[in-house]
Amino acid sequence: SRKSPNFGHKLCFCGLKASTNQAWTDKNPARRFYGCPRTEWQKKALIEARDEIRKKNKIIEQLNETIAEMRSDLEKKQMETVKDEDEIVRQFEECFV
């Protein structure tokens, strides 16, 4: 009998020792599967991209909140300006009319 050179490890189609991965999808939560170690960089890149997107989304959310606050402040100031203008007109009319 011949002994296998992989010593009981699963091999990828490319001949490298397959890595064990775990899926975290809604359909297959915690499902384990074998993957090619040559594609590990893709997983890392996707995780890094996901983290970057989350950071950017948080920044966008904060900016949207700031914009909403600034719009609210602007509306208040515009209303105050209208009130001030009305008061100036009223005082003018009292003095000269």
PDB file of N, CA and C in Angstrom:
ATOM      1  N   SER A   1       0.835  -1.186   0.000  1.00  0.00           N
ATOM      2  CA  SER A   1       0.000   0.000   0.000  1.00  0.00           C
ATOM      3  C   SER A   1       0.876   1.245   0.000  1.00  0.00           C
ATOM      4  N   ARG A   2       0.426   2.253  -0.736  1.00  0.00           N
ATOM      5  CA  ARG A   2       1.160   3.517  -0.806  1.00  0.00           C
ATOM      6  C   ARG A   2       0.558   4.509   0.173  1.00  0.00           C
ATOM      7  N   LYS A   3       1.416   5.212   0.843  1.00  0.00           N
ATOM      8  CA  LYS A   3       0.930   6.261   1.742  1.00  0.00           C
ATOM      9  C   LYS A   3       0.760   7.538   0.933  1.00  0.00           C
ATOM     10  N   SER A   4      -0.287   8.264   1.251  1.00  0.00           N
ATOM     11  CA  SER A   4      -0.546   9.523   0.569  1.00  0.00           C
ATOM     12  C   SER A   4       0.406  10.597   1.085  1.00  0.00           C
ATOM     13  N   PRO A   5       0.988  11.399   0.197  1.00  0.00           N
ATOM     14  CA  PRO A   5       1.914  12.437   0.651  1.00  0.00           C
ATOM     15  C   PRO A   5       1.222  13.593   1.368  1.00  0.00           C
ATOM     16  N   ASN A   6      -0.107  13.639   1.335  1.00  0.00           N
ATOM     17  CA  ASN A   6      -0.799  14.759   1.974  1.00  0.00           C
ATOM     18  C   ASN A   6      -1.104  14.500   3.443  1.00  0.00           C
ATOM     19  N   PHE A   7      -0.758  13.313   3.970  1.00  0.00           N
ATOM     20  CA  PHE A   7      -0.911  12.963   5.382  1.00  0.00           C
ATOM     21  C   PHE A   7      -2.323  13.211   5.897  1.00  0.00           C
ATOM     22  N   GLY A   8      -3.309  12.860   5.114  1.00  0.00           N
ATOM     23  CA  GLY A   8      -4.699  12.986   5.539  1.00  0.00           C
ATOM     24  C   GLY A   8      -5.309  14.360   5.361  1.00  0.00           C
ATOM     25  N   HIS A   9      -4.559  15.307   4.846  1.00  0.00           N
ATOM     26  CA  HIS A   9      -5.088  16.651   4.625  1.00  0.00           C
ATOM     27  C   HIS A   9      -5.813  16.713   3.290  1.00  0.00           C
ATOM     28  N   LYS A  10      -6.856  17.495   3.240  1.00  0.00           N
ATOM     29  CA  LYS A  10      -7.552  17.723   1.976  1.00  0.00           C
ATOM     30  C   LYS A  10      -6.681  18.621   1.114  1.00  0.00           C
ATOM     31  N   LEU A  11      -6.640  18.313  -0.170  1.00  0.00           N
ATOM     32  CA  LEU A  11      -5.861  19.119  -1.100  1.00  0.00           C
ATOM     33  C   LEU A  11      -6.785  19.883  -2.030  1.00  0.00           C
ATOM     34  N   CYS A  12      -6.339  21.058  -2.391  1.00  0.00           N
ATOM     35  CA  CYS A  12      -7.045  21.865  -3.376  1.00  0.00           C
ATOM     36  C   CYS A  12      -6.764  21.269  -4.760  1.00  0.00           C
ATOM     37  N   PHE A  13      -7.538  21.688  -5.741  1.00  0.00           N
ATOM     38  CA  PHE A  13      -7.310  21.221  -7.112  1.00  0.00           C
ATOM     39  C   PHE A  13      -5.931  21.625  -7.624  1.00  0.00           C
ATOM     40  N   CYS A  14      -5.386  22.709  -7.049  1.00  0.00           N
ATOM     41  CA  CYS A  14      -4.061  23.160  -7.480  1.00  0.00           C
ATOM     42  C   CYS A  14      -2.943  22.362  -6.818  1.00  0.00           C
ATOM     43  N   GLY A  15      -3.283  21.493  -5.855  1.00  0.00           N
ATOM     44  CA  GLY A  15      -2.292  20.652  -5.204  1.00  0.00           C
ATOM     45  C   GLY A  15      -1.851  21.132  -3.836  1.00  0.00           C
ATOM     46  N   LEU A  16      -2.212  22.353  -3.454  1.00  0.00           N
ATOM     47  CA  LEU A  16      -1.857  22.862  -2.131  1.00  0.00           C
ATOM     48  C   LEU A  16      -2.827  22.334  -1.081  1.00  0.00           C
ATOM     49  N   LYS A  17      -2.379  22.332   0.167  1.00  0.00           N
ATOM     50  CA  LYS A  17      -3.237  21.908   1.271  1.00  0.00           C
ATOM     51  C   LYS A  17      -4.404  22.892   1.379  1.00  0.00           C
ATOM     52  N   ALA A  18      -5.619  22.372   1.327  1.00  0.00           N
ATOM     53  CA  ALA A  18      -6.812  23.222   1.380  1.00  0.00           C
ATOM     54  C   ALA A  18      -6.962  23.813   2.777  1.00  0.00           C
ATOM     55  N   SER A  19      -7.385  25.070   2.820  1.00  0.00           N
ATOM     56  CA  SER A  19      -7.629  25.708   4.112  1.00  0.00           C
ATOM     57  C   SER A  19      -9.091  25.518   4.498  1.00  0.00           C
ATOM     58  N   THR A  20      -9.342  25.447   5.797  1.00  0.00           N
ATOM     59  CA  THR A  20     -10.707  25.307   6.288  1.00  0.00           C
ATOM     60  C   THR A  20     -11.275  26.700   6.510  1.00  0.00           C
ATOM     61  N   ASN A  21     -12.439  26.939   5.964  1.00  0.00           N
ATOM     62  CA  ASN A  21     -13.107  28.230   6.096  1.00  0.00           C
ATOM     63  C   ASN A  21     -14.480  28.019   6.702  1.00  0.00           C
ATOM     64  N   GLN A  22     -15.100  29.123   7.093  1.00  0.00           N
ATOM     65  CA  GLN A  22     -16.433  29.037   7.677  1.00  0.00           C
ATOM     66  C   GLN A  22     -17.303  30.111   7.044  1.00  0.00           C
ATOM     67  N   ALA A  23     -18.481  29.699   6.571  1.00  0.00           N
ATOM     68  CA  ALA A  23     -19.415  30.632   5.944  1.00  0.00           C
ATOM     69  C   ALA A  23     -20.252  31.312   7.021  1.00  0.00           C
ATOM     70  N   TRP A  24     -20.535  32.564   6.815  1.00  0.00           N
ATOM     71  CA  TRP A  24     -21.415  33.295   7.734  1.00  0.00           C
ATOM     72  C   TRP A  24     -22.531  33.955   6.941  1.00  0.00           C
ATOM     73  N   THR A  25     -23.173  33.193   6.085  1.00  0.00           N
ATOM     74  CA  THR A  25     -24.293  33.706   5.307  1.00  0.00           C
ATOM     75  C   THR A  25     -25.596  33.372   6.019  1.00  0.00           C
ATOM     76  N   ASP A  26     -26.674  34.033   5.618  1.00  0.00           N
ATOM     77  CA  ASP A  26     -27.979  33.754   6.219  1.00  0.00           C
ATOM     78  C   ASP A  26     -28.418  32.323   5.936  1.00  0.00           C
ATOM     79  N   LYS A  27     -28.114  31.837   4.737  1.00  0.00           N
ATOM     80  CA  LYS A  27     -28.540  30.485   4.369  1.00  0.00           C
ATOM     81  C   LYS A  27     -27.665  29.406   4.996  1.00  0.00           C
ATOM     82  N   ASN A  28     -26.389  29.707   5.227  1.00  0.00           N
ATOM     83  CA  ASN A  28     -25.455  28.709   5.762  1.00  0.00           C
ATOM     84  C   ASN A  28     -24.634  29.268   6.925  1.00  0.00           C
ATOM     85  N   PRO A  29     -25.265  29.641   8.026  1.00  0.00           N
ATOM     86  CA  PRO A  29     -24.478  30.194   9.129  1.00  0.00           C
ATOM     87  C   PRO A  29     -23.555  29.139   9.737  1.00  0.00           C
ATOM     88  N   ALA A  30     -22.313  29.492   9.867  1.00  0.00           N
ATOM     89  CA  ALA A  30     -21.281  28.656  10.490  1.00  0.00           C
ATOM     90  C   ALA A  30     -20.966  27.376   9.714  1.00  0.00           C
ATOM     91  N   ARG A  31     -21.322  27.315   8.429  1.00  0.00           N
ATOM     92  CA  ARG A  31     -21.011  26.129   7.621  1.00  0.00           C
ATOM     93  C   ARG A  31     -19.527  26.141   7.284  1.00  0.00           C
ATOM     94  N   ARG A  32     -18.875  25.023   7.517  1.00  0.00           N
ATOM     95  CA  ARG A  32     -17.447  24.897   7.221  1.00  0.00           C
ATOM     96  C   ARG A  32     -17.259  24.351   5.802  1.00  0.00           C
ATOM     97  N   PHE A  33     -16.201  24.820   5.153  1.00  0.00           N
ATOM     98  CA  PHE A  33     -15.884  24.334   3.812  1.00  0.00           C
ATOM     99  C   PHE A  33     -14.386  24.485   3.575  1.00  0.00           C
ATOM    100  N   TYR A  34     -13.906  23.809   2.563  1.00  0.00           N
ATOM    101  CA  TYR A  34     -12.498  23.888   2.207  1.00  0.00           C
ATOM    102  C   TYR A  34     -12.314  24.913   1.101  1.00  0.00           C
ATOM    103  N   GLY A  35     -11.192  25.618   1.160  1.00  0.00           N
ATOM    104  CA  GLY A  35     -10.898  26.611   0.143  1.00  0.00           C
ATOM    105  C   GLY A  35      -9.430  26.576  -0.241  1.00  0.00           C
ATOM    106  N   CYS A  36      -9.131  27.189  -1.347  1.00  0.00           N
ATOM    107  CA  CYS A  36      -7.756  27.248  -1.841  1.00  0.00           C
ATOM    108  C   CYS A  36      -6.989  28.338  -1.085  1.00  0.00           C
ATOM    109  N   PRO A  37      -5.798  28.032  -0.596  1.00  0.00           N
ATOM    110  CA  PRO A  37      -5.022  29.053   0.115  1.00  0.00           C
ATOM    111  C   PRO A  37      -4.589  30.203  -0.793  1.00  0.00           C
ATOM    112  N   ARG A  38      -4.613  29.974  -2.092  1.00  0.00           N
ATOM    113  CA  ARG A  38      -4.234  31.042  -3.028  1.00  0.00           C
ATOM    114  C   ARG A  38      -5.278  32.155  -3.083  1.00  0.00           C
ATOM    115  N   THR A  39      -6.469  31.877  -2.607  1.00  0.00           N
ATOM    116  CA  THR A  39      -7.522  32.901  -2.640  1.00  0.00           C
ATOM    117  C   THR A  39      -7.691  33.599  -1.295  1.00  0.00           C
ATOM    118  N   GLU A  40      -6.836  33.295  -0.325  1.00  0.00           N
ATOM    119  CA  GLU A  40      -6.939  33.933   0.994  1.00  0.00           C
ATOM    120  C   GLU A  40      -6.804  35.450   0.891  1.00  0.00           C
ATOM    121  N   TRP A  41      -5.991  35.942  -0.033  1.00  0.00           N
ATOM    122  CA  TRP A  41      -5.821  37.383  -0.187  1.00  0.00           C
ATOM    123  C   TRP A  41      -7.138  38.040  -0.572  1.00  0.00           C
ATOM    124  N   GLN A  42      -7.984  37.312  -1.329  1.00  0.00           N
ATOM    125  CA  GLN A  42      -9.277  37.869  -1.716  1.00  0.00           C
ATOM    126  C   GLN A  42     -10.155  38.077  -0.493  1.00  0.00           C
ATOM    127  N   LYS A  43     -10.164  37.088   0.394  1.00  0.00           N
ATOM    128  CA  LYS A  43     -10.954  37.190   1.615  1.00  0.00           C
ATOM    129  C   LYS A  43     -10.474  38.379   2.446  1.00  0.00           C
ATOM    130  N   LYS A  44      -9.157  38.500   2.594  1.00  0.00           N
ATOM    131  CA  LYS A  44      -8.587  39.604   3.365  1.00  0.00           C
ATOM    132  C   LYS A  44      -8.938  40.945   2.719  1.00  0.00           C
ATOM    133  N   ALA A  45      -8.833  41.006   1.397  1.00  0.00           N
ATOM    134  CA  ALA A  45      -9.150  42.246   0.688  1.00  0.00           C
ATOM    135  C   ALA A  45     -10.623  42.608   0.851  1.00  0.00           C
ATOM    136  N   LEU A  46     -11.496  41.609   0.802  1.00  0.00           N
ATOM    137  CA  LEU A  46     -12.923  41.876   0.982  1.00  0.00           C
ATOM    138  C   LEU A  46     -13.224  42.373   2.391  1.00  0.00           C
ATOM    139  N   ILE A  47     -12.585  41.777   3.380  1.00  0.00           N
ATOM    140  CA  ILE A  47     -12.794  42.210   4.761  1.00  0.00           C
ATOM    141  C   ILE A  47     -12.294  43.642   4.947  1.00  0.00           C
ATOM    142  N   GLU A  48     -11.129  43.940   4.385  1.00  0.00           N
ATOM    143  CA  GLU A  48     -10.597  45.303   4.469  1.00  0.00           C
ATOM    144  C   GLU A  48     -11.523  46.289   3.769  1.00  0.00           C
ATOM    145  N   ALA A  49     -12.040  45.910   2.602  1.00  0.00           N
ATOM    146  CA  ALA A  49     -12.961  46.783   1.871  1.00  0.00           C
ATOM    147  C   ALA A  49     -14.244  46.987   2.668  1.00  0.00           C
ATOM    148  N   ARG A  50     -14.765  45.910   3.268  1.00  0.00           N
ATOM    149  CA  ARG A  50     -15.977  46.012   4.083  1.00  0.00           C
ATOM    150  C   ARG A  50     -15.759  46.971   5.251  1.00  0.00           C
ATOM    151  N   ASP A  51     -14.619  46.842   5.921  1.00  0.00           N
ATOM    152  CA  ASP A  51     -14.319  47.717   7.052  1.00  0.00           C
ATOM    153  C   ASP A  51     -14.213  49.172   6.608  1.00  0.00           C
ATOM    154  N   GLU A  52     -13.583  49.387   5.460  1.00  0.00           N
ATOM    155  CA  GLU A  52     -13.449  50.746   4.928  1.00  0.00           C
ATOM    156  C   GLU A  52     -14.822  51.322   4.584  1.00  0.00           C
ATOM    157  N   ILE A  53     -15.678  50.513   3.993  1.00  0.00           N
ATOM    158  CA  ILE A  53     -17.034  50.962   3.652  1.00  0.00           C
ATOM    159  C   ILE A  53     -17.801  51.324   4.915  1.00  0.00           C
ATOM    160  N   ARG A  54     -17.666  50.519   5.959  1.00  0.00           N
ATOM    161  CA  ARG A  54     -18.347  50.818   7.227  1.00  0.00           C
ATOM    162  C   ARG A  54     -17.870  52.147   7.803  1.00  0.00           C
ATOM    163  N   LYS A  55     -16.556  52.393   7.742  1.00  0.00           N
ATOM    164  CA  LYS A  55     -16.020  53.668   8.231  1.00  0.00           C
ATOM    165  C   LYS A  55     -16.592  54.828   7.427  1.00  0.00           C
ATOM    166  N   LYS A  56     -16.595  54.673   6.113  1.00  0.00           N
ATOM    167  CA  LYS A  56     -17.105  55.743   5.244  1.00  0.00           C
ATOM    168  C   LYS A  56     -18.590  55.979   5.488  1.00  0.00           C
ATOM    169  N   ASN A  57     -19.351  54.897   5.675  1.00  0.00           N
ATOM    170  CA  ASN A  57     -20.783  55.040   5.948  1.00  0.00           C
ATOM    171  C   ASN A  57     -21.022  55.783   7.255  1.00  0.00           C
ATOM    172  N   LYS A  58     -20.192  55.517   8.256  1.00  0.00           N
ATOM    173  CA  LYS A  58     -20.322  56.217   9.539  1.00  0.00           C
ATOM    174  C   LYS A  58     -20.035  57.708   9.354  1.00  0.00           C
ATOM    175  N   ILE A  59     -19.001  58.017   8.579  1.00  0.00           N
ATOM    176  CA  ILE A  59     -18.665  59.418   8.304  1.00  0.00           C
ATOM    177  C   ILE A  59     -19.802  60.088   7.551  1.00  0.00           C
ATOM    178  N   ILE A  60     -20.361  59.406   6.554  1.00  0.00           N
ATOM    179  CA  ILE A  60     -21.477  59.962   5.782  1.00  0.00           C
ATOM    180  C   ILE A  60     -22.668  60.226   6.690  1.00  0.00           C
ATOM    181  N   GLU A  61     -22.951  59.291   7.587  1.00  0.00           N
ATOM    182  CA  GLU A  61     -24.062  59.459   8.525  1.00  0.00           C
ATOM    183  C   GLU A  61     -23.839  60.688   9.414  1.00  0.00           C
ATOM    184  N   GLN A  62     -22.619  60.851   9.914  1.00  0.00           N
ATOM    185  CA  GLN A  62     -22.298  62.009  10.749  1.00  0.00           C
ATOM    186  C   GLN A  62     -22.422  63.304   9.950  1.00  0.00           C
ATOM    187  N   LEU A  63     -21.962  63.293   8.710  1.00  0.00           N
ATOM    188  CA  LEU A  63     -22.072  64.481   7.863  1.00  0.00           C
ATOM    189  C   LEU A  63     -23.530  64.824   7.582  1.00  0.00           C
ATOM    190  N   ASN A  64     -24.357  63.806   7.334  1.00  0.00           N
ATOM    191  CA  ASN A  64     -25.784  64.052   7.108  1.00  0.00           C
ATOM    192  C   ASN A  64     -26.438  64.661   8.341  1.00  0.00           C
ATOM    193  N   GLU A  65     -26.048  64.193   9.532  1.00  0.00           N
ATOM    194  CA  GLU A  65     -26.578  64.775  10.768  1.00  0.00           C
ATOM    195  C   GLU A  65     -26.147  66.232  10.907  1.00  0.00           C
ATOM    196  N   THR A  66     -24.887  66.512  10.590  1.00  0.00           N
ATOM    197  CA  THR A  66     -24.381  67.885  10.658  1.00  0.00           C
ATOM    198  C   THR A  66     -25.123  68.779   9.674  1.00  0.00           C
ATOM    199  N   ILE A  67     -25.357  68.291   8.471  1.00  0.00           N
ATOM    200  CA  ILE A  67     -26.094  69.059   7.461  1.00  0.00           C
ATOM    201  C   ILE A  67     -27.505  69.349   7.947  1.00  0.00           C
ATOM    202  N   ALA A  68     -28.166  68.351   8.536  1.00  0.00           N
ATOM    203  CA  ALA A  68     -29.528  68.548   9.047  1.00  0.00           C
ATOM    204  C   ALA A  68     -29.541  69.608  10.145  1.00  0.00           C
ATOM    205  N   GLU A  69     -28.559  69.568  11.050  1.00  0.00           N
ATOM    206  CA  GLU A  69     -28.467  70.573  12.111  1.00  0.00           C
ATOM    207  C   GLU A  69     -28.232  71.963  11.523  1.00  0.00           C
ATOM    208  N   MET A  70     -27.352  72.051  10.542  1.00  0.00           N
ATOM    209  CA  MET A  70     -27.054  73.344   9.924  1.00  0.00           C
ATOM    210  C   MET A  70     -28.274  73.902   9.199  1.00  0.00           C
ATOM    211  N   ARG A  71     -29.032  73.038   8.530  1.00  0.00           N
ATOM    212  CA  ARG A  71     -30.255  73.494   7.855  1.00  0.00           C
ATOM    213  C   ARG A  71     -31.260  74.020   8.867  1.00  0.00           C
ATOM    214  N   SER A  72     -31.385  73.311   9.984  1.00  0.00           N
ATOM    215  CA  SER A  72     -32.301  73.735  11.034  1.00  0.00           C
ATOM    216  C   SER A  72     -31.875  75.092  11.595  1.00  0.00           C
ATOM    217  N   ASP A  73     -30.584  75.246  11.860  1.00  0.00           N
ATOM    218  CA  ASP A  73     -30.065  76.524  12.356  1.00  0.00           C
ATOM    219  C   ASP A  73     -30.306  77.642  11.348  1.00  0.00           C
ATOM    220  N   LEU A  74     -30.097  77.362  10.075  1.00  0.00           N
ATOM    221  CA  LEU A  74     -30.313  78.358   9.031  1.00  0.00           C
ATOM    222  C   LEU A  74     -31.773  78.788   8.983  1.00  0.00           C
ATOM    223  N   GLU A  75     -32.686  77.822   9.062  1.00  0.00           N
ATOM    224  CA  GLU A  75     -34.111  78.158   9.055  1.00  0.00           C
ATOM    225  C   GLU A  75     -34.469  79.045  10.243  1.00  0.00           C
ATOM    226  N   LYS A  76     -33.932  78.734  11.418  1.00  0.00           N
ATOM    227  CA  LYS A  76     -34.195  79.553  12.610  1.00  0.00           C
ATOM    228  C   LYS A  76     -33.676  80.970  12.411  1.00  0.00           C
ATOM    229  N   LYS A  77     -32.470  81.096  11.874  1.00  0.00           N
ATOM    230  CA  LYS A  77     -31.883  82.418  11.653  1.00  0.00           C
ATOM    231  C   LYS A  77     -32.661  83.199  10.602  1.00  0.00           C
ATOM    232  N   GLN A  78     -33.147  82.506   9.582  1.00  0.00           N
ATOM    233  CA  GLN A  78     -33.952  83.184   8.568  1.00  0.00           C
ATOM    234  C   GLN A  78     -35.252  83.695   9.175  1.00  0.00           C
ATOM    235  N   MET A  79     -35.863  82.899  10.058  1.00  0.00           N
ATOM    236  CA  MET A  79     -37.090  83.331  10.724  1.00  0.00           C
ATOM    237  C   MET A  79     -36.809  84.523  11.634  1.00  0.00           C
ATOM    238  N   GLU A  80     -35.675  84.509  12.345  1.00  0.00           N
ATOM    239  CA  GLU A  80     -35.292  85.632  13.193  1.00  0.00           C
ATOM    240  C   GLU A  80     -35.066  86.879  12.355  1.00  0.00           C
ATOM    241  N   THR A  81     -34.447  86.715  11.196  1.00  0.00           N
ATOM    242  CA  THR A  81     -34.194  87.845  10.307  1.00  0.00           C
ATOM    243  C   THR A  81     -35.507  88.461   9.845  1.00  0.00           C
ATOM    244  N   VAL A  82     -36.467  87.627   9.480  1.00  0.00           N
ATOM    245  CA  VAL A  82     -37.777  88.123   9.051  1.00  0.00           C
ATOM    246  C   VAL A  82     -38.439  88.882  10.201  1.00  0.00           C
ATOM    247  N   LYS A  83     -38.369  88.342  11.418  1.00  0.00           N
ATOM    248  CA  LYS A  83     -38.946  89.022  12.586  1.00  0.00           C
ATOM    249  C   LYS A  83     -38.260  90.360  12.820  1.00  0.00           C
ATOM    250  N   ASP A  84     -36.922  90.379  12.709  1.00  0.00           N
ATOM    251  CA  ASP A  84     -36.172  91.623  12.890  1.00  0.00           C
ATOM    252  C   ASP A  84     -36.556  92.646  11.830  1.00  0.00           C
ATOM    253  N   GLU A  85     -36.698  92.217  10.586  1.00  0.00           N
ATOM    254  CA  GLU A  85     -37.099  93.124   9.507  1.00  0.00           C
ATOM    255  C   GLU A  85     -38.492  93.677   9.765  1.00  0.00           C
ATOM    256  N   ASP A  86     -39.402  92.813  10.207  1.00  0.00           N
ATOM    257  CA  ASP A  86     -40.762  93.261  10.523  1.00  0.00           C
ATOM    258  C   ASP A  86     -40.742  94.291  11.648  1.00  0.00           C
ATOM    259  N   GLU A  87     -39.901  94.067  12.645  1.00  0.00           N
ATOM    260  CA  GLU A  87     -39.797  95.008  13.769  1.00  0.00           C
ATOM    261  C   GLU A  87     -39.239  96.347  13.303  1.00  0.00           C
ATOM    262  N   ILE A  88     -38.249  96.331  12.429  1.00  0.00           N
ATOM    263  CA  ILE A  88     -37.673  97.573  11.896  1.00  0.00           C
ATOM    264  C   ILE A  88     -38.725  98.349  11.118  1.00  0.00           C
ATOM    265  N   VAL A  89     -39.484  97.648  10.279  1.00  0.00           N
ATOM    266  CA  VAL A  89     -40.543  98.299   9.496  1.00  0.00           C
ATOM    267  C   VAL A  89     -41.590  98.892  10.440  1.00  0.00           C
ATOM    268  N   ARG A  90     -41.984  98.152  11.476  1.00  0.00           N
ATOM    269  CA  ARG A  90     -42.987  98.632  12.422  1.00  0.00           C
ATOM    270  C   ARG A  90     -42.494  99.894  13.135  1.00  0.00           C
ATOM    271  N   GLN A  91     -41.223  99.887  13.572  1.00  0.00           N
ATOM    272  CA  GLN A  91     -40.673 101.060  14.248  1.00  0.00           C
ATOM    273  C   GLN A  91     -40.586 102.253  13.302  1.00  0.00           C
ATOM    274  N   PHE A  92     -40.226 102.001  12.069  1.00  0.00           N
ATOM    275  CA  PHE A  92     -40.155 103.073  11.077  1.00  0.00           C
ATOM    276  C   PHE A  92     -41.533 103.693  10.877  1.00  0.00           C
ATOM    277  N   GLU A  93     -42.535 102.829  10.748  1.00  0.00           N
ATOM    278  CA  GLU A  93     -43.896 103.316  10.538  1.00  0.00           C
ATOM    279  C   GLU A  93     -44.384 104.116  11.736  1.00  0.00           C
ATOM    280  N   GLU A  94     -44.006 103.704  12.949  1.00  0.00           N
ATOM    281  CA  GLU A  94     -44.406 104.443  14.150  1.00  0.00           C
ATOM    282  C   GLU A  94     -43.802 105.840  14.159  1.00  0.00           C
ATOM    283  N   CYS A  95     -42.557 105.945  13.706  1.00  0.00           N
ATOM    284  CA  CYS A  95     -41.864 107.227  13.745  1.00  0.00           C
ATOM    285  C   CYS A  95     -42.271 108.166  12.611  1.00  0.00           C
ATOM    286  N   PHE A  96     -42.520 107.625  11.445  1.00  0.00           N
ATOM    287  CA  PHE A  96     -42.698 108.485  10.276  1.00  0.00           C
ATOM    288  C   PHE A  96     -44.075 108.425   9.651  1.00  0.00           C
ATOM    289  N   VAL A  97     -44.949 107.603  10.154  1.00  0.00           N
ATOM    290  CA  VAL A  97     -46.274 107.528   9.537  1.00  0.00           C
ATOM    291  C   VAL A  97     -47.311 108.073  10.469  1.00  0.00           C
TER     292      VAL A  97
END
